[in-house]
Structures are given as structure tokens and as C-alpha cells.
Amino acid sequence: MRVLSPVGATPVTVKPLARRRPSLTGLRIGVLDNSKPNADVLLGRVAERLAERAPGASIRRWQKPGASHPAAMLDEIAAGADVLLTGSAD
């Protein structure tokens, strides 16, 4: 009898977190909305609050066609934002 383990084997690689920006002053804050209910409201409000605290910061928004769709606009986002807010929840 051959018994298979349901535990997958993957190489363990720990990646460091991105370096935190010392300030958002003057930066372009991007918002990627995954189209789930209220995601635009929550992420938009967080971006607005951050921009209020960072002189010269601007906000740019992108929206995926649906939560299960890939973000096809990643190159555009990378070119148009210095930092990005996104998330997934209902």
C-alpha cells in the first residue's frame, strides 16, 4: 500500500518585508480595489487619511473587474504609485 501525505513539500524561503518609507510626503498613494463590497470605501478612506497627514501626497485608484480576476494593470500601478493599499475582505 502506498500512503500519500496531504502535507505539501515546498522549499522554505523567508523573504524580508519591504523597507518602510520614512514619510509619505509628496508620494503617490495607490489604491487597488478588488471589487468586493465596500473595499473601495475602506481603502479610499484609509488613503485619504494618510494623504491628510502627508503634505503633497496624492491618491490614484485602480479597480479590478472582480475579486477572482488577476490585477492586469500591475505595470500601470507600478509606474503610477509610490506606495499601494490593497486588501481582501467582505
PDB file of N, CA and C in Angstrom:
ATOM      1  N   MET A   1       0.834  -1.162   0.000  1.00  0.00           N
ATOM      2  CA  MET A   1       0.000   0.000   0.000  1.00  0.00           C
ATOM      3  C   MET A   1       0.890   1.241   0.000  1.00  0.00           C
ATOM      4  N   ARG A   2       0.505   2.198  -0.799  1.00  0.00           N
ATOM      5  CA  ARG A   2       1.244   3.458  -0.866  1.00  0.00           C
ATOM      6  C   ARG A   2       0.395   4.533  -0.187  1.00  0.00           C
ATOM      7  N   VAL A   3       0.948   5.181   0.844  1.00  0.00           N
ATOM      8  CA  VAL A   3       0.229   6.216   1.585  1.00  0.00           C
ATOM      9  C   VAL A   3       0.828   7.568   1.207  1.00  0.00           C
ATOM     10  N   LEU A   4      -0.034   8.463   0.777  1.00  0.00           N
ATOM     11  CA  LEU A   4       0.407   9.807   0.408  1.00  0.00           C
ATOM     12  C   LEU A   4       0.092  10.787   1.525  1.00  0.00           C
ATOM     13  N   SER A   5       1.000  11.650   1.777  1.00  0.00           N
ATOM     14  CA  SER A   5       0.794  12.681   2.791  1.00  0.00           C
ATOM     15  C   SER A   5       0.100  13.893   2.164  1.00  0.00           C
ATOM     16  N   PRO A   6      -0.908  14.443   2.833  1.00  0.00           N
ATOM     17  CA  PRO A   6      -1.562  15.639   2.302  1.00  0.00           C
ATOM     18  C   PRO A   6      -0.754  16.917   2.539  1.00  0.00           C
ATOM     19  N   VAL A   7       0.328  16.798   3.277  1.00  0.00           N
ATOM     20  CA  VAL A   7       1.165  17.951   3.563  1.00  0.00           C
ATOM     21  C   VAL A   7       2.109  18.164   2.390  1.00  0.00           C
ATOM     22  N   GLY A   8       1.983  19.303   1.762  1.00  0.00           N
ATOM     23  CA  GLY A   8       2.838  19.603   0.616  1.00  0.00           C
ATOM     24  C   GLY A   8       4.261  19.898   1.032  1.00  0.00           C
ATOM     25  N   ALA A   9       5.168  19.655   0.155  1.00  0.00           N
ATOM     26  CA  ALA A   9       6.578  19.958   0.419  1.00  0.00           C
ATOM     27  C   ALA A   9       6.987  21.118  -0.475  1.00  0.00           C
ATOM     28  N   THR A  10       7.373  22.203   0.146  1.00  0.00           N
ATOM     29  CA  THR A  10       7.855  23.365  -0.595  1.00  0.00           C
ATOM     30  C   THR A  10       9.146  23.836   0.048  1.00  0.00           C
ATOM     31  N   PRO A  11       9.988  24.447  -0.741  1.00  0.00           N
ATOM     32  CA  PRO A  11      11.212  24.987  -0.151  1.00  0.00           C
ATOM     33  C   PRO A  11      10.853  26.146   0.777  1.00  0.00           C
ATOM     34  N   VAL A  12      11.491  26.184   1.903  1.00  0.00           N
ATOM     35  CA  VAL A  12      11.231  27.245   2.867  1.00  0.00           C
ATOM     36  C   VAL A  12      12.097  28.446   2.498  1.00  0.00           C
ATOM     37  N   THR A  13      11.427  29.499   2.078  1.00  0.00           N
ATOM     38  CA  THR A  13      12.135  30.739   1.784  1.00  0.00           C
ATOM     39  C   THR A  13      11.447  31.870   2.524  1.00  0.00           C
ATOM     40  N   VAL A  14      12.187  32.531   3.341  1.00  0.00           N
ATOM     41  CA  VAL A  14      11.670  33.665   4.087  1.00  0.00           C
ATOM     42  C   VAL A  14      12.149  34.918   3.390  1.00  0.00           C
ATOM     43  N   LYS A  15      11.186  35.722   2.960  1.00  0.00           N
ATOM     44  CA  LYS A  15      11.534  36.964   2.275  1.00  0.00           C
ATOM     45  C   LYS A  15      11.344  38.122   3.245  1.00  0.00           C
ATOM     46  N   PRO A  16      12.255  39.065   3.211  1.00  0.00           N
ATOM     47  CA  PRO A  16      12.121  40.207   4.115  1.00  0.00           C
ATOM     48  C   PRO A  16      10.973  41.106   3.667  1.00  0.00           C
ATOM     49  N   LEU A  17      10.380  41.823   4.623  1.00  0.00           N
ATOM     50  CA  LEU A  17       9.355  42.801   4.298  1.00  0.00           C
ATOM     51  C   LEU A  17       9.981  43.957   3.524  1.00  0.00           C
ATOM     52  N   ALA A  18       9.177  44.622   2.730  1.00  0.00           N
ATOM     53  CA  ALA A  18       9.662  45.808   2.021  1.00  0.00           C
ATOM     54  C   ALA A  18      10.054  46.860   3.050  1.00  0.00           C
ATOM     55  N   ARG A  19      11.077  47.625   2.741  1.00  0.00           N
ATOM     56  CA  ARG A  19      11.529  48.678   3.638  1.00  0.00           C
ATOM     57  C   ARG A  19      10.439  49.746   3.758  1.00  0.00           C
ATOM     58  N   ARG A  20      10.105  50.137   4.950  1.00  0.00           N
ATOM     59  CA  ARG A  20       9.082  51.158   5.179  1.00  0.00           C
ATOM     60  C   ARG A  20       9.607  52.528   4.765  1.00  0.00           C
ATOM     61  N   ARG A  21       8.778  53.290   4.101  1.00  0.00           N
ATOM     62  CA  ARG A  21       9.124  54.658   3.718  1.00  0.00           C
ATOM     63  C   ARG A  21       9.190  55.520   4.973  1.00  0.00           C
ATOM     64  N   PRO A  22      10.176  56.401   5.075  1.00  0.00           N
ATOM     65  CA  PRO A  22      10.248  57.252   6.263  1.00  0.00           C
ATOM     66  C   PRO A  22       9.093  58.254   6.327  1.00  0.00           C
ATOM     67  N   SER A  23       8.520  58.597   5.163  1.00  0.00           N
ATOM     68  CA  SER A  23       7.440  59.567   5.108  1.00  0.00           C
ATOM     69  C   SER A  23       6.654  59.364   3.812  1.00  0.00           C
ATOM     70  N   LEU A  24       5.390  59.715   3.820  1.00  0.00           N
ATOM     71  CA  LEU A  24       4.570  59.675   2.606  1.00  0.00           C
ATOM     72  C   LEU A  24       4.476  61.049   1.949  1.00  0.00           C
ATOM     73  N   THR A  25       5.161  62.024   2.502  1.00  0.00           N
ATOM     74  CA  THR A  25       5.130  63.379   1.973  1.00  0.00           C
ATOM     75  C   THR A  25       5.503  63.397   0.491  1.00  0.00           C
ATOM     76  N   GLY A  26       4.599  63.969  -0.314  1.00  0.00           N
ATOM     77  CA  GLY A  26       4.845  64.118  -1.742  1.00  0.00           C
ATOM     78  C   GLY A  26       4.721  62.846  -2.565  1.00  0.00           C
ATOM     79  N   LEU A  27       4.373  61.733  -1.934  1.00  0.00           N
ATOM     80  CA  LEU A  27       4.302  60.466  -2.668  1.00  0.00           C
ATOM     81  C   LEU A  27       2.922  60.255  -3.290  1.00  0.00           C
ATOM     82  N   ARG A  28       2.881  59.358  -4.261  1.00  0.00           N
ATOM     83  CA  ARG A  28       1.630  58.964  -4.917  1.00  0.00           C
ATOM     84  C   ARG A  28       1.123  57.699  -4.228  1.00  0.00           C
ATOM     85  N   ILE A  29      -0.015  57.816  -3.552  1.00  0.00           N
ATOM     86  CA  ILE A  29      -0.608  56.692  -2.838  1.00  0.00           C
ATOM     87  C   ILE A  29      -1.589  56.003  -3.779  1.00  0.00           C
ATOM     88  N   GLY A  30      -1.322  54.753  -4.091  1.00  0.00           N
ATOM     89  CA  GLY A  30      -2.199  53.996  -4.963  1.00  0.00           C
ATOM     90  C   GLY A  30      -3.179  53.168  -4.157  1.00  0.00           C
ATOM     91  N   VAL A  31      -4.374  52.981  -4.720  1.00  0.00           N
ATOM     92  CA  VAL A  31      -5.411  52.152  -4.106  1.00  0.00           C
ATOM     93  C   VAL A  31      -5.855  51.141  -5.152  1.00  0.00           C
ATOM     94  N   LEU A  32      -5.726  49.858  -4.853  1.00  0.00           N
ATOM     95  CA  LEU A  32      -6.202  48.796  -5.739  1.00  0.00           C
ATOM     96  C   LEU A  32      -7.417  48.151  -5.096  1.00  0.00           C
ATOM     97  N   ASP A  33      -8.580  48.441  -5.670  1.00  0.00           N
ATOM     98  CA  ASP A  33      -9.860  47.929  -5.183  1.00  0.00           C
ATOM     99  C   ASP A  33     -10.127  46.590  -5.858  1.00  0.00           C
ATOM    100  N   ASN A  34     -10.408  45.556  -5.063  1.00  0.00           N
ATOM    101  CA  ASN A  34     -10.643  44.227  -5.633  1.00  0.00           C
ATOM    102  C   ASN A  34     -12.105  43.992  -5.998  1.00  0.00           C
ATOM    103  N   SER A  35     -12.940  45.019  -5.907  1.00  0.00           N
ATOM    104  CA  SER A  35     -14.364  44.985  -6.268  1.00  0.00           C
ATOM    105  C   SER A  35     -15.250  44.243  -5.273  1.00  0.00           C
ATOM    106  N   LYS A  36     -14.722  43.885  -4.127  1.00  0.00           N
ATOM    107  CA  LYS A  36     -15.585  43.291  -3.099  1.00  0.00           C
ATOM    108  C   LYS A  36     -16.390  44.419  -2.443  1.00  0.00           C
ATOM    109  N   PRO A  37     -17.541  44.070  -1.858  1.00  0.00           N
ATOM    110  CA  PRO A  37     -18.381  45.101  -1.252  1.00  0.00           C
ATOM    111  C   PRO A  37     -17.620  45.953  -0.227  1.00  0.00           C
ATOM    112  N   ASN A  38     -17.703  47.236  -0.396  1.00  0.00           N
ATOM    113  CA  ASN A  38     -17.111  48.244   0.498  1.00  0.00           C
ATOM    114  C   ASN A  38     -15.590  48.323   0.479  1.00  0.00           C
ATOM    115  N   ALA A  39     -14.924  47.557  -0.361  1.00  0.00           N
ATOM    116  CA  ALA A  39     -13.461  47.661  -0.445  1.00  0.00           C
ATOM    117  C   ALA A  39     -13.064  49.064  -0.873  1.00  0.00           C
ATOM    118  N   ASP A  40     -13.787  49.637  -1.838  1.00  0.00           N
ATOM    119  CA  ASP A  40     -13.473  50.985  -2.304  1.00  0.00           C
ATOM    120  C   ASP A  40     -13.634  52.016  -1.195  1.00  0.00           C
ATOM    121  N   VAL A  41     -14.660  51.841  -0.366  1.00  0.00           N
ATOM    122  CA  VAL A  41     -14.909  52.774   0.737  1.00  0.00           C
ATOM    123  C   VAL A  41     -13.801  52.678   1.774  1.00  0.00           C
ATOM    124  N   LEU A  42     -13.491  51.473   2.207  1.00  0.00           N
ATOM    125  CA  LEU A  42     -12.472  51.281   3.238  1.00  0.00           C
ATOM    126  C   LEU A  42     -11.096  51.737   2.762  1.00  0.00           C
ATOM    127  N   LEU A  43     -10.649  51.226   1.616  1.00  0.00           N
ATOM    128  CA  LEU A  43      -9.313  51.573   1.133  1.00  0.00           C
ATOM    129  C   LEU A  43      -9.213  53.051   0.775  1.00  0.00           C
ATOM    130  N   GLY A  44     -10.281  53.593   0.198  1.00  0.00           N
ATOM    131  CA  GLY A  44     -10.280  55.011  -0.151  1.00  0.00           C
ATOM    132  C   GLY A  44     -10.167  55.892   1.075  1.00  0.00           C
ATOM    133  N   ARG A  45     -10.885  55.533   2.130  1.00  0.00           N
ATOM    134  CA  ARG A  45     -10.830  56.331   3.362  1.00  0.00           C
ATOM    135  C   ARG A  45      -9.458  56.240   4.028  1.00  0.00           C
ATOM    136  N   VAL A  46      -8.871  55.063   4.032  1.00  0.00           N
ATOM    137  CA  VAL A  46      -7.518  54.924   4.592  1.00  0.00           C
ATOM    138  C   VAL A  46      -6.537  55.783   3.799  1.00  0.00           C
ATOM    139  N   ALA A  47      -6.640  55.745   2.472  1.00  0.00           N
ATOM    140  CA  ALA A  47      -5.749  56.552   1.630  1.00  0.00           C
ATOM    141  C   ALA A  47      -5.942  58.043   1.900  1.00  0.00           C
ATOM    142  N   GLU A  48      -7.193  58.465   2.047  1.00  0.00           N
ATOM    143  CA  GLU A  48      -7.464  59.877   2.351  1.00  0.00           C
ATOM    144  C   GLU A  48      -6.862  60.299   3.679  1.00  0.00           C
ATOM    145  N   ARG A  49      -6.999  59.439   4.682  1.00  0.00           N
ATOM    146  CA  ARG A  49      -6.425  59.766   6.000  1.00  0.00           C
ATOM    147  C   ARG A  49      -4.906  59.852   5.940  1.00  0.00           C
ATOM    148  N   LEU A  50      -4.287  58.933   5.188  1.00  0.00           N
ATOM    149  CA  LEU A  50      -2.828  59.002   5.033  1.00  0.00           C
ATOM    150  C   LEU A  50      -2.415  60.275   4.321  1.00  0.00           C
ATOM    151  N   ALA A  51      -3.127  60.635   3.249  1.00  0.00           N
ATOM    152  CA  ALA A  51      -2.793  61.832   2.486  1.00  0.00           C
ATOM    153  C   ALA A  51      -2.959  63.102   3.315  1.00  0.00           C
ATOM    154  N   GLU A  52      -3.937  63.109   4.220  1.00  0.00           N
ATOM    155  CA  GLU A  52      -4.135  64.261   5.108  1.00  0.00           C
ATOM    156  C   GLU A  52      -2.913  64.503   5.983  1.00  0.00           C
ATOM    157  N   ARG A  53      -2.194  63.449   6.309  1.00  0.00           N
ATOM    158  CA  ARG A  53      -1.039  63.542   7.205  1.00  0.00           C
ATOM    159  C   ARG A  53       0.275  63.723   6.453  1.00  0.00           C
ATOM    160  N   ALA A  54       0.217  63.729   5.124  1.00  0.00           N
ATOM    161  CA  ALA A  54       1.437  63.801   4.315  1.00  0.00           C
ATOM    162  C   ALA A  54       1.301  64.917   3.287  1.00  0.00           C
ATOM    163  N   PRO A  55       1.877  66.088   3.560  1.00  0.00           N
ATOM    164  CA  PRO A  55       1.761  67.199   2.622  1.00  0.00           C
ATOM    165  C   PRO A  55       2.210  66.821   1.208  1.00  0.00           C
ATOM    166  N   GLY A  56       1.418  67.204   0.223  1.00  0.00           N
ATOM    167  CA  GLY A  56       1.786  66.963  -1.173  1.00  0.00           C
ATOM    168  C   GLY A  56       1.498  65.567  -1.679  1.00  0.00           C
ATOM    169  N   ALA A  57       0.983  64.691  -0.817  1.00  0.00           N
ATOM    170  CA  ALA A  57       0.666  63.329  -1.262  1.00  0.00           C
ATOM    171  C   ALA A  57      -0.579  63.367  -2.140  1.00  0.00           C
ATOM    172  N   SER A  58      -0.620  62.478  -3.115  1.00  0.00           N
ATOM    173  CA  SER A  58      -1.784  62.373  -3.990  1.00  0.00           C
ATOM    174  C   SER A  58      -2.288  60.935  -3.975  1.00  0.00           C
ATOM    175  N   ILE A  59      -3.529  60.759  -4.414  1.00  0.00           N
ATOM    176  CA  ILE A  59      -4.154  59.430  -4.410  1.00  0.00           C
ATOM    177  C   ILE A  59      -4.576  59.075  -5.827  1.00  0.00           C
ATOM    178  N   ARG A  60      -4.276  57.852  -6.228  1.00  0.00           N
ATOM    179  CA  ARG A  60      -4.730  57.340  -7.519  1.00  0.00           C
ATOM    180  C   ARG A  60      -5.361  55.979  -7.274  1.00  0.00           C
ATOM    181  N   ARG A  61      -6.478  55.710  -7.958  1.00  0.00           N
ATOM    182  CA  ARG A  61      -7.232  54.488  -7.714  1.00  0.00           C
ATOM    183  C   ARG A  61      -7.294  53.602  -8.953  1.00  0.00           C
ATOM    184  N   TRP A  62      -7.260  52.286  -8.713  1.00  0.00           N
ATOM    185  CA  TRP A  62      -7.463  51.276  -9.751  1.00  0.00           C
ATOM    186  C   TRP A  62      -8.485  50.289  -9.218  1.00  0.00           C
ATOM    187  N   GLN A  63      -9.230  49.663 -10.139  1.00  0.00           N
ATOM    188  CA  GLN A  63     -10.222  48.677  -9.715  1.00  0.00           C
ATOM    189  C   GLN A  63     -10.141  47.438 -10.590  1.00  0.00           C
ATOM    190  N   LYS A  64     -10.065  46.279  -9.945  1.00  0.00           N
ATOM    191  CA  LYS A  64     -10.105  45.012 -10.666  1.00  0.00           C
ATOM    192  C   LYS A  64     -11.547  44.743 -11.087  1.00  0.00           C
ATOM    193  N   PRO A  65     -11.765  43.995 -12.172  1.00  0.00           N
ATOM    194  CA  PRO A  65     -13.134  43.698 -12.599  1.00  0.00           C
ATOM    195  C   PRO A  65     -13.869  42.762 -11.635  1.00  0.00           C
ATOM    196  N   GLY A  66     -13.157  42.084 -10.789  1.00  0.00           N
ATOM    197  CA  GLY A  66     -13.749  41.182  -9.807  1.00  0.00           C
ATOM    198  C   GLY A  66     -12.662  40.630  -8.919  1.00  0.00           C
ATOM    199  N   ALA A  67     -13.045  40.189  -7.733  1.00  0.00           N
ATOM    200  CA  ALA A  67     -12.063  39.707  -6.760  1.00  0.00           C
ATOM    201  C   ALA A  67     -11.283  38.495  -7.257  1.00  0.00           C
ATOM    202  N   SER A  68     -11.906  37.668  -8.090  1.00  0.00           N
ATOM    203  CA  SER A  68     -11.221  36.461  -8.556  1.00  0.00           C
ATOM    204  C   SER A  68     -10.389  36.697  -9.814  1.00  0.00           C
ATOM    205  N   HIS A  69     -10.411  37.905 -10.334  1.00  0.00           N
ATOM    206  CA  HIS A  69      -9.630  38.231 -11.529  1.00  0.00           C
ATOM    207  C   HIS A  69      -8.241  38.739 -11.137  1.00  0.00           C
ATOM    208  N   PRO A  70      -7.248  38.452 -11.946  1.00  0.00           N
ATOM    209  CA  PRO A  70      -5.914  38.981 -11.649  1.00  0.00           C
ATOM    210  C   PRO A  70      -5.869  40.491 -11.893  1.00  0.00           C
ATOM    211  N   ALA A  71      -4.937  41.132 -11.268  1.00  0.00           N
ATOM    212  CA  ALA A  71      -4.736  42.569 -11.480  1.00  0.00           C
ATOM    213  C   ALA A  71      -3.890  42.735 -12.737  1.00  0.00           C
ATOM    214  N   ALA A  72      -4.553  42.919 -13.872  1.00  0.00           N
ATOM    215  CA  ALA A  72      -3.867  43.003 -15.155  1.00  0.00           C
ATOM    216  C   ALA A  72      -3.101  44.309 -15.321  1.00  0.00           C
ATOM    217  N   MET A  73      -3.343  45.264 -14.433  1.00  0.00           N
ATOM    218  CA  MET A  73      -2.743  46.583 -14.579  1.00  0.00           C
ATOM    219  C   MET A  73      -1.534  46.812 -13.675  1.00  0.00           C
ATOM    220  N   LEU A  74      -0.819  45.748 -13.328  1.00  0.00           N
ATOM    221  CA  LEU A  74       0.300  45.886 -12.386  1.00  0.00           C
ATOM    222  C   LEU A  74       1.396  46.813 -12.881  1.00  0.00           C
ATOM    223  N   ASP A  75       1.706  46.768 -14.165  1.00  0.00           N
ATOM    224  CA  ASP A  75       2.736  47.673 -14.697  1.00  0.00           C
ATOM    225  C   ASP A  75       2.296  49.127 -14.577  1.00  0.00           C
ATOM    226  N   GLU A  76       1.024  49.376 -14.859  1.00  0.00           N
ATOM    227  CA  GLU A  76       0.481  50.735 -14.745  1.00  0.00           C
ATOM    228  C   GLU A  76       0.528  51.212 -13.294  1.00  0.00           C
ATOM    229  N   ILE A  77       0.189  50.325 -12.375  1.00  0.00           N
ATOM    230  CA  ILE A  77       0.223  50.672 -10.953  1.00  0.00           C
ATOM    231  C   ILE A  77       1.657  50.965 -10.516  1.00  0.00           C
ATOM    232  N   ALA A  78       2.592  50.117 -10.919  1.00  0.00           N
ATOM    233  CA  ALA A  78       3.993  50.314 -10.536  1.00  0.00           C
ATOM    234  C   ALA A  78       4.522  51.650 -11.052  1.00  0.00           C
ATOM    235  N   ALA A  79       4.076  52.064 -12.235  1.00  0.00           N
ATOM    236  CA  ALA A  79       4.518  53.331 -12.804  1.00  0.00           C
ATOM    237  C   ALA A  79       3.785  54.527 -12.197  1.00  0.00           C
ATOM    238  N   GLY A  80       2.578  54.308 -11.661  1.00  0.00           N
ATOM    239  CA  GLY A  80       1.763  55.423 -11.214  1.00  0.00           C
ATOM    240  C   GLY A  80       1.631  55.609  -9.721  1.00  0.00           C
ATOM    241  N   ALA A  81       2.252  54.742  -8.935  1.00  0.00           N
ATOM    242  CA  ALA A  81       2.135  54.860  -7.473  1.00  0.00           C
ATOM    243  C   ALA A  81       3.477  54.564  -6.814  1.00  0.00           C
ATOM    244  N   ASP A  82       3.731  55.278  -5.729  1.00  0.00           N
ATOM    245  CA  ASP A  82       4.945  55.028  -4.944  1.00  0.00           C
ATOM    246  C   ASP A  82       4.684  54.004  -3.851  1.00  0.00           C
ATOM    247  N   VAL A  83       3.476  54.013  -3.308  1.00  0.00           N
ATOM    248  CA  VAL A  83       3.027  53.043  -2.309  1.00  0.00           C
ATOM    249  C   VAL A  83       1.635  52.595  -2.719  1.00  0.00           C
ATOM    250  N   LEU A  84       1.231  51.396  -2.278  1.00  0.00           N
ATOM    251  CA  LEU A  84      -0.066  50.859  -2.692  1.00  0.00           C
ATOM    252  C   LEU A  84      -0.816  50.258  -1.513  1.00  0.00           C
ATOM    253  N   LEU A  85      -2.105  50.568  -1.447  1.00  0.00           N
ATOM    254  CA  LEU A  85      -3.012  49.947  -0.470  1.00  0.00           C
ATOM    255  C   LEU A  85      -3.897  48.976  -1.216  1.00  0.00           C
ATOM    256  N   THR A  86      -4.009  47.782  -0.716  1.00  0.00           N
ATOM    257  CA  THR A  86      -4.938  46.804  -1.248  1.00  0.00           C
ATOM    258  C   THR A  86      -5.294  45.840  -0.138  1.00  0.00           C
ATOM    259  N   GLY A  87      -6.295  45.042  -0.342  1.00  0.00           N
ATOM    260  CA  GLY A  87      -6.695  44.102   0.675  1.00  0.00           C
ATOM    261  C   GLY A  87      -7.832  43.245   0.169  1.00  0.00           C
ATOM    262  N   SER A  88      -8.231  42.277   0.957  1.00  0.00           N
ATOM    263  CA  SER A  88      -9.308  41.398   0.580  1.00  0.00           C
ATOM    264  C   SER A  88     -10.147  41.079   1.814  1.00  0.00           C
ATOM    265  N   ALA A  89     -11.426  41.410   1.730  1.00  0.00           N
ATOM    266  CA  ALA A  89     -12.334  41.121   2.831  1.00  0.00           C
ATOM    267  C   ALA A  89     -13.764  41.317   2.360  1.00  0.00           C
ATOM    268  N   ASP A  90     -14.702  40.860   3.129  1.00  0.00           N
ATOM    269  CA  ASP A  90     -16.124  41.088   2.839  1.00  0.00           C
ATOM    270  C   ASP A  90     -16.750  41.857   3.977  1.00  0.00           C
TER     271      ASP A  90
END
